[in-house]
Amino acid sequence: MSDVTGPPEGDVGSRGFDLDTWIRPLCALVVAGVAAYASYVHQREFALRGGADTVSASLWPLSVDGLLLLATVGLLKPSGSRTRRARGAVWSAFLLGIAVSLAANIAAALALEWKPVLVAGWPPVALLLSAELVVHRPVVRPGDAVTHLRERSGRAKSDRRRGGEDSLLARAQVLDARHRELHQRPISAETLRKELRIGASRSRQLTSLVRASRSPAGDG
């Protein structure tokens, strides 16, 4: 029954799924937190230089990166249910958010040289990519899903077949024990076939299994 409802305990695939489910989002959240803090500091400094007061400068980065994150999440969702206008709004918010965030972070660089610009411009990029990794979910292809269902169905059928064989063997052993008590000899394949209503080949196999399961002393 456990094969039908899910992978067995200790399965390599199950461990891989758990690892991907927990470790990847956790690492992405750590990176997103660090990048968000660095981007916030840069944009707050940029806003203060631009003439904003302390409160406005503290809130301004949240409006920029918040809009960017909202647009990123919107882009990752299926677009079939959205209108063309909604898709255009999401793309506009994304492009505008990344442009303003990059410009504000780069403007906070100590000098317009490649090292300070790289240090200042990297946080919004890292924040964007880590947010995508957090909200992204692996897409299951239809072919993979069908293959997985077929494998599970095959395992279930194999288990049912094995259970049916064990049950049939148990019934054959009971019939053999009863026949030995009545007739003082093991049951024949033909008698077993009639009692269990099975084929001749299957009855011969069961007869061999029943006799093999008994001790040599009992057969004598």
C-alpha atoms as a PDB file:
ATOM      1  CA  MET A   1       0.000   0.000   0.000  1.00  0.00           C
ATOM      2  CA  SER A   2       2.903   2.347   0.713  1.00  0.00           C
ATOM      3  CA  ASP A   3       4.114   2.022  -2.871  1.00  0.00           C
ATOM      4  CA  VAL A   4       0.813   3.409  -4.117  1.00  0.00           C
ATOM      5  CA  THR A   5       0.632   6.460  -1.885  1.00  0.00           C
ATOM      6  CA  GLY A   6       4.223   7.573  -2.228  1.00  0.00           C
ATOM      7  CA  PRO A   7       7.889   6.550  -2.440  1.00  0.00           C
ATOM      8  CA  PRO A   8       9.160   4.157   0.233  1.00  0.00           C
ATOM      9  CA  GLU A   9      10.950   5.499   3.266  1.00  0.00           C
ATOM     10  CA  GLY A  10      14.637   6.080   2.589  1.00  0.00           C
ATOM     11  CA  ASP A  11      14.133   6.307  -1.154  1.00  0.00           C
ATOM     12  CA  VAL A  12      16.856   8.309  -2.881  1.00  0.00           C
ATOM     13  CA  GLY A  13      14.270  10.254  -4.875  1.00  0.00           C
ATOM     14  CA  SER A  14      12.389  11.124  -1.696  1.00  0.00           C
ATOM     15  CA  ARG A  15      15.549  12.436  -0.025  1.00  0.00           C
ATOM     16  CA  GLY A  16      16.369  14.470  -3.134  1.00  0.00           C
ATOM     17  CA  PHE A  17      12.884  15.976  -3.109  1.00  0.00           C
ATOM     18  CA  ASP A  18      13.151  16.930   0.583  1.00  0.00           C
ATOM     19  CA  LEU A  19      16.578  18.445   0.024  1.00  0.00           C
ATOM     20  CA  ASP A  20      15.376  20.580  -2.871  1.00  0.00           C
ATOM     21  CA  THR A  21      12.211  21.569  -1.023  1.00  0.00           C
ATOM     22  CA  TRP A  22      13.938  22.936   2.068  1.00  0.00           C
ATOM     23  CA  ILE A  23      17.592  23.733   1.365  1.00  0.00           C
ATOM     24  CA  ARG A  24      17.204  25.687  -1.880  1.00  0.00           C
ATOM     25  CA  PRO A  25      14.520  28.115  -0.630  1.00  0.00           C
ATOM     26  CA  LEU A  26      16.386  28.580   2.659  1.00  0.00           C
ATOM     27  CA  CYS A  27      19.639  29.528   0.904  1.00  0.00           C
ATOM     28  CA  ALA A  28      17.732  31.789  -1.479  1.00  0.00           C
ATOM     29  CA  LEU A  29      16.078  33.567   1.462  1.00  0.00           C
ATOM     30  CA  VAL A  30      19.452  34.178   3.105  1.00  0.00           C
ATOM     31  CA  VAL A  31      20.861  35.639  -0.109  1.00  0.00           C
ATOM     32  CA  ALA A  32      17.709  37.709  -0.610  1.00  0.00           C
ATOM     33  CA  GLY A  33      17.954  39.098   2.920  1.00  0.00           C
ATOM     34  CA  VAL A  34      21.580  40.152   2.501  1.00  0.00           C
ATOM     35  CA  ALA A  35      20.947  41.662  -0.936  1.00  0.00           C
ATOM     36  CA  ALA A  36      17.812  43.465   0.272  1.00  0.00           C
ATOM     37  CA  TYR A  37      19.716  45.048   3.157  1.00  0.00           C
ATOM     38  CA  ALA A  38      22.570  46.216   0.924  1.00  0.00           C
ATOM     39  CA  SER A  39      20.164  47.560  -1.678  1.00  0.00           C
ATOM     40  CA  TYR A  40      18.159  49.340   1.034  1.00  0.00           C
ATOM     41  CA  VAL A  41      21.236  51.088   2.410  1.00  0.00           C
ATOM     42  CA  HIS A  42      22.361  52.242  -1.040  1.00  0.00           C
ATOM     43  CA  GLN A  43      18.934  53.524  -2.047  1.00  0.00           C
ATOM     44  CA  ARG A  44      18.376  55.286   1.267  1.00  0.00           C
ATOM     45  CA  GLU A  45      21.670  57.116   0.838  1.00  0.00           C
ATOM     46  CA  PHE A  46      20.691  57.997  -2.727  1.00  0.00           C
ATOM     47  CA  ALA A  47      17.338  59.376  -1.525  1.00  0.00           C
ATOM     48  CA  LEU A  48      19.012  61.476   1.157  1.00  0.00           C
ATOM     49  CA  ARG A  49      21.370  62.934  -1.433  1.00  0.00           C
ATOM     50  CA  GLY A  50      18.362  63.677  -3.617  1.00  0.00           C
ATOM     51  CA  GLY A  51      16.821  65.921  -0.969  1.00  0.00           C
ATOM     52  CA  ALA A  52      14.375  63.539   0.722  1.00  0.00           C
ATOM     53  CA  ASP A  53      13.828  63.829   4.464  1.00  0.00           C
ATOM     54  CA  THR A  54      14.793  61.034   6.834  1.00  0.00           C
ATOM     55  CA  VAL A  55      11.401  59.309   6.867  1.00  0.00           C
ATOM     56  CA  SER A  56      10.897  59.516   3.099  1.00  0.00           C
ATOM     57  CA  ALA A  57      14.442  58.321   2.452  1.00  0.00           C
ATOM     58  CA  SER A  58      13.815  55.326   4.719  1.00  0.00           C
ATOM     59  CA  LEU A  59      10.608  54.392   2.910  1.00  0.00           C
ATOM     60  CA  TRP A  60      11.705  55.114  -0.655  1.00  0.00           C
ATOM     61  CA  PRO A  61      13.793  51.913  -1.125  1.00  0.00           C
ATOM     62  CA  LEU A  62      10.821  49.815  -0.019  1.00  0.00           C
ATOM     63  CA  SER A  63       8.669  51.242  -2.799  1.00  0.00           C
ATOM     64  CA  VAL A  64      11.320  50.531  -5.433  1.00  0.00           C
ATOM     65  CA  ASP A  65      12.385  47.008  -4.467  1.00  0.00           C
ATOM     66  CA  GLY A  66       8.851  46.142  -3.341  1.00  0.00           C
ATOM     67  CA  LEU A  67       7.508  46.977  -6.787  1.00  0.00           C
ATOM     68  CA  LEU A  68      10.309  44.963  -8.378  1.00  0.00           C
ATOM     69  CA  LEU A  69       9.574  41.888  -6.248  1.00  0.00           C
ATOM     70  CA  LEU A  70       5.837  42.098  -6.946  1.00  0.00           C
ATOM     71  CA  ALA A  71       6.488  42.297 -10.664  1.00  0.00           C
ATOM     72  CA  THR A  72       8.914  39.345 -10.475  1.00  0.00           C
ATOM     73  CA  VAL A  73       6.328  37.179  -8.757  1.00  0.00           C
ATOM     74  CA  GLY A  74       3.743  38.236 -11.342  1.00  0.00           C
ATOM     75  CA  LEU A  75       6.020  37.261 -14.213  1.00  0.00           C
ATOM     76  CA  LEU A  76       6.593  33.804 -12.764  1.00  0.00           C
ATOM     77  CA  LYS A  77       2.889  33.024 -12.570  1.00  0.00           C
ATOM     78  CA  PRO A  78       1.100  31.437 -15.565  1.00  0.00           C
ATOM     79  CA  SER A  79       0.127  34.159 -18.016  1.00  0.00           C
ATOM     80  CA  GLY A  80      -2.843  32.375 -19.596  1.00  0.00           C
ATOM     81  CA  SER A  81      -5.378  33.839 -17.173  1.00  0.00           C
ATOM     82  CA  ARG A  82      -4.135  37.448 -17.514  1.00  0.00           C
ATOM     83  CA  THR A  83      -5.202  39.962 -20.110  1.00  0.00           C
ATOM     84  CA  ARG A  84      -2.772  41.703 -22.422  1.00  0.00           C
ATOM     85  CA  ARG A  85      -3.128  44.890 -20.387  1.00  0.00           C
ATOM     86  CA  ALA A  86      -2.288  43.049 -17.162  1.00  0.00           C
ATOM     87  CA  ARG A  87       0.784  41.451 -18.739  1.00  0.00           C
ATOM     88  CA  GLY A  88       1.902  44.853 -19.999  1.00  0.00           C
ATOM     89  CA  ALA A  89       1.501  46.355 -16.519  1.00  0.00           C
ATOM     90  CA  VAL A  90       3.557  43.570 -14.959  1.00  0.00           C
ATOM     91  CA  TRP A  91       6.349  43.961 -17.508  1.00  0.00           C
ATOM     92  CA  SER A  92       6.326  47.740 -17.147  1.00  0.00           C
ATOM     93  CA  ALA A  93       6.584  47.456 -13.357  1.00  0.00           C
ATOM     94  CA  PHE A  94       9.417  44.953 -13.684  1.00  0.00           C
ATOM     95  CA  LEU A  95      11.485  46.979 -16.144  1.00  0.00           C
ATOM     96  CA  LEU A  96      10.890  50.248 -14.314  1.00  0.00           C
ATOM     97  CA  GLY A  97      11.668  48.688 -10.939  1.00  0.00           C
ATOM     98  CA  ILE A  98      14.948  47.103 -12.061  1.00  0.00           C
ATOM     99  CA  ALA A  99      16.021  50.290 -13.858  1.00  0.00           C
ATOM    100  CA  VAL A 100      15.363  52.568 -10.865  1.00  0.00           C
ATOM    101  CA  SER A 101      16.862  50.108  -8.384  1.00  0.00           C
ATOM    102  CA  LEU A 102      20.034  49.679 -10.442  1.00  0.00           C
ATOM    103  CA  ALA A 103      20.357  53.415 -11.032  1.00  0.00           C
ATOM    104  CA  ALA A 104      19.888  54.246  -7.343  1.00  0.00           C
ATOM    105  CA  ASN A 105      22.353  51.588  -6.207  1.00  0.00           C
ATOM    106  CA  ILE A 106      24.988  52.565  -8.773  1.00  0.00           C
ATOM    107  CA  ALA A 107      24.539  56.276  -7.940  1.00  0.00           C
ATOM    108  CA  ALA A 108      25.464  55.430  -4.350  1.00  0.00           C
ATOM    109  CA  ALA A 109      28.863  54.077  -5.458  1.00  0.00           C
ATOM    110  CA  LEU A 110      31.906  55.877  -4.109  1.00  0.00           C
ATOM    111  CA  ALA A 111      33.251  56.461  -7.612  1.00  0.00           C
ATOM    112  CA  LEU A 112      32.251  55.696 -11.187  1.00  0.00           C
ATOM    113  CA  GLU A 113      34.801  52.919 -11.524  1.00  0.00           C
ATOM    114  CA  TRP A 114      34.097  49.306 -12.237  1.00  0.00           C
ATOM    115  CA  LYS A 115      34.803  48.006  -8.734  1.00  0.00           C
ATOM    116  CA  PRO A 116      32.580  50.454  -6.801  1.00  0.00           C
ATOM    117  CA  VAL A 117      29.899  50.188  -9.491  1.00  0.00           C
ATOM    118  CA  LEU A 118      29.957  46.375  -9.296  1.00  0.00           C
ATOM    119  CA  VAL A 119      29.728  46.418  -5.509  1.00  0.00           C
ATOM    120  CA  ALA A 120      26.851  48.907  -5.535  1.00  0.00           C
ATOM    121  CA  GLY A 121      24.967  47.430  -8.502  1.00  0.00           C
ATOM    122  CA  TRP A 122      25.086  43.788  -7.484  1.00  0.00           C
ATOM    123  CA  PRO A 123      22.517  43.811  -4.580  1.00  0.00           C
ATOM    124  CA  PRO A 124      19.400  44.480  -6.716  1.00  0.00           C
ATOM    125  CA  VAL A 125      20.449  41.798  -9.199  1.00  0.00           C
ATOM    126  CA  ALA A 126      21.039  39.272  -6.397  1.00  0.00           C
ATOM    127  CA  LEU A 127      17.728  40.228  -4.798  1.00  0.00           C
ATOM    128  CA  LEU A 128      15.878  39.733  -8.073  1.00  0.00           C
ATOM    129  CA  LEU A 129      17.416  36.336  -8.819  1.00  0.00           C
ATOM    130  CA  SER A 130      17.039  35.016  -5.269  1.00  0.00           C
ATOM    131  CA  ALA A 131      13.384  36.073  -5.197  1.00  0.00           C
ATOM    132  CA  GLU A 132      12.833  34.150  -8.419  1.00  0.00           C
ATOM    133  CA  LEU A 133      14.461  31.062  -6.897  1.00  0.00           C
ATOM    134  CA  VAL A 134      12.253  31.315  -3.810  1.00  0.00           C
ATOM    135  CA  VAL A 135       8.944  31.500  -5.661  1.00  0.00           C
ATOM    136  CA  HIS A 136       9.914  29.219  -8.537  1.00  0.00           C
ATOM    137  CA  ARG A 137       8.648  25.625  -8.473  1.00  0.00           C
ATOM    138  CA  PRO A 138       9.952  22.836 -10.715  1.00  0.00           C
ATOM    139  CA  VAL A 139       7.627  22.187 -13.638  1.00  0.00           C
ATOM    140  CA  VAL A 140       6.540  18.571 -13.994  1.00  0.00           C
ATOM    141  CA  ARG A 141       6.411  17.614 -17.652  1.00  0.00           C
ATOM    142  CA  PRO A 142       3.412  15.548 -18.750  1.00  0.00           C
ATOM    143  CA  GLY A 143       5.678  12.749 -19.949  1.00  0.00           C
ATOM    144  CA  ASP A 144       7.403  12.533 -16.566  1.00  0.00           C
ATOM    145  CA  ALA A 145       4.063  12.444 -14.760  1.00  0.00           C
ATOM    146  CA  VAL A 146       2.756   9.654 -16.998  1.00  0.00           C
ATOM    147  CA  THR A 147       5.940   7.628 -16.523  1.00  0.00           C
ATOM    148  CA  HIS A 148       5.742   8.062 -12.759  1.00  0.00           C
ATOM    149  CA  LEU A 149       2.100   6.955 -12.691  1.00  0.00           C
ATOM    150  CA  ARG A 150       2.893   3.917 -14.829  1.00  0.00           C
ATOM    151  CA  GLU A 151       5.719   2.924 -12.488  1.00  0.00           C
ATOM    152  CA  ARG A 152       3.464   3.253  -9.459  1.00  0.00           C
ATOM    153  CA  SER A 153       0.715   1.275 -11.193  1.00  0.00           C
ATOM    154  CA  GLY A 154       3.198  -1.444 -12.131  1.00  0.00           C
ATOM    155  CA  ARG A 155       4.444  -1.723  -8.554  1.00  0.00           C
ATOM    156  CA  ALA A 156       0.871  -1.891  -7.264  1.00  0.00           C
ATOM    157  CA  LYS A 157      -0.048  -4.661  -9.735  1.00  0.00           C
ATOM    158  CA  SER A 158       3.099  -6.584  -8.801  1.00  0.00           C
ATOM    159  CA  ASP A 159       2.233  -6.345  -5.121  1.00  0.00           C
ATOM    160  CA  ARG A 160      -1.338  -7.494  -5.738  1.00  0.00           C
ATOM    161  CA  ARG A 161      -0.096 -10.396  -7.862  1.00  0.00           C
ATOM    162  CA  ARG A 162       2.409 -11.396  -5.176  1.00  0.00           C
ATOM    163  CA  GLY A 163      -0.287 -11.192  -2.515  1.00  0.00           C
ATOM    164  CA  GLY A 164      -2.626 -13.338  -4.624  1.00  0.00           C
ATOM    165  CA  GLU A 165       0.073 -15.983  -5.113  1.00  0.00           C
ATOM    166  CA  ASP A 166       0.783 -16.109  -1.390  1.00  0.00           C
ATOM    167  CA  SER A 167      -2.924 -16.497  -0.662  1.00  0.00           C
ATOM    168  CA  LEU A 168      -3.266 -19.268  -3.263  1.00  0.00           C
ATOM    169  CA  LEU A 169      -0.264 -21.115  -1.828  1.00  0.00           C
ATOM    170  CA  ALA A 170      -1.723 -20.877   1.668  1.00  0.00           C
ATOM    171  CA  ARG A 171      -5.009 -22.367   0.463  1.00  0.00           C
ATOM    172  CA  ALA A 172      -3.119 -25.143  -1.327  1.00  0.00           C
ATOM    173  CA  GLN A 173      -1.214 -25.985   1.857  1.00  0.00           C
ATOM    174  CA  VAL A 174      -4.473 -26.222   3.828  1.00  0.00           C
ATOM    175  CA  LEU A 175      -5.989 -28.513   1.207  1.00  0.00           C
ATOM    176  CA  ASP A 176      -2.856 -30.677   1.193  1.00  0.00           C
ATOM    177  CA  ALA A 177      -2.887 -31.011   4.974  1.00  0.00           C
ATOM    178  CA  ARG A 178      -6.580 -32.005   4.926  1.00  0.00           C
ATOM    179  CA  HIS A 179      -5.969 -34.511   2.104  1.00  0.00           C
ATOM    180  CA  ARG A 180      -3.092 -36.103   4.035  1.00  0.00           C
ATOM    181  CA  GLU A 181      -5.296 -36.543   7.084  1.00  0.00           C
ATOM    182  CA  LEU A 182      -8.072 -38.181   5.088  1.00  0.00           C
ATOM    183  CA  HIS A 183      -6.095 -40.254   2.591  1.00  0.00           C
ATOM    184  CA  GLN A 184      -2.635 -40.512   4.147  1.00  0.00           C
ATOM    185  CA  ARG A 185      -0.966 -39.175   1.036  1.00  0.00           C
ATOM    186  CA  PRO A 186      -0.170 -35.751  -0.467  1.00  0.00           C
ATOM    187  CA  ILE A 187      -2.727 -34.075  -2.657  1.00  0.00           C
ATOM    188  CA  SER A 188      -2.317 -34.545  -6.395  1.00  0.00           C
ATOM    189  CA  ALA A 189      -2.024 -31.740  -8.920  1.00  0.00           C
ATOM    190  CA  GLU A 190      -5.323 -32.745 -10.532  1.00  0.00           C
ATOM    191  CA  THR A 191      -7.201 -32.656  -7.226  1.00  0.00           C
ATOM    192  CA  LEU A 192      -5.643 -29.322  -6.384  1.00  0.00           C
ATOM    193  CA  ARG A 193      -6.659 -28.004  -9.783  1.00  0.00           C
ATOM    194  CA  LYS A 194     -10.273 -28.945  -9.221  1.00  0.00           C
ATOM    195  CA  GLU A 195     -10.388 -27.584  -5.674  1.00  0.00           C
ATOM    196  CA  LEU A 196      -8.834 -24.226  -6.523  1.00  0.00           C
ATOM    197  CA  ARG A 197     -10.280 -24.004 -10.056  1.00  0.00           C
ATOM    198  CA  ILE A 198      -6.958 -23.144 -11.644  1.00  0.00           C
ATOM    199  CA  GLY A 199      -5.054 -24.309 -14.689  1.00  0.00           C
ATOM    200  CA  ALA A 200      -3.095 -27.525 -14.875  1.00  0.00           C
ATOM    201  CA  SER A 201       0.269 -25.794 -15.126  1.00  0.00           C
ATOM    202  CA  ARG A 202      -0.484 -23.587 -12.118  1.00  0.00           C
ATOM    203  CA  SER A 203      -1.700 -26.560 -10.091  1.00  0.00           C
ATOM    204  CA  ARG A 204       1.536 -28.475 -10.806  1.00  0.00           C
ATOM    205  CA  GLN A 205       3.578 -25.481  -9.656  1.00  0.00           C
ATOM    206  CA  LEU A 206       1.561 -25.192  -6.472  1.00  0.00           C
ATOM    207  CA  THR A 207       1.885 -28.912  -5.815  1.00  0.00           C
ATOM    208  CA  SER A 208       5.660 -28.640  -6.072  1.00  0.00           C
ATOM    209  CA  LEU A 209       5.701 -25.627  -3.745  1.00  0.00           C
ATOM    210  CA  VAL A 210       3.475 -27.340  -1.192  1.00  0.00           C
ATOM    211  CA  ARG A 211       5.601 -30.460  -1.117  1.00  0.00           C
ATOM    212  CA  ALA A 212       8.807 -28.449  -0.950  1.00  0.00           C
ATOM    213  CA  SER A 213       7.490 -26.492   2.024  1.00  0.00           C
ATOM    214  CA  ARG A 214       6.936 -29.677   4.054  1.00  0.00           C
ATOM    215  CA  SER A 215       9.762 -31.385   5.859  1.00  0.00           C
ATOM    216  CA  PRO A 216      11.198 -34.595   4.364  1.00  0.00           C
ATOM    217  CA  ALA A 217       9.936 -36.529   7.402  1.00  0.00           C
ATOM    218  CA  GLY A 218       6.357 -35.396   6.745  1.00  0.00           C
ATOM    219  CA  ASP A 219       6.536 -36.497   3.134  1.00  0.00           C
ATOM    220  CA  GLY A 220       7.684 -39.964   4.053  1.00  0.00           C
END
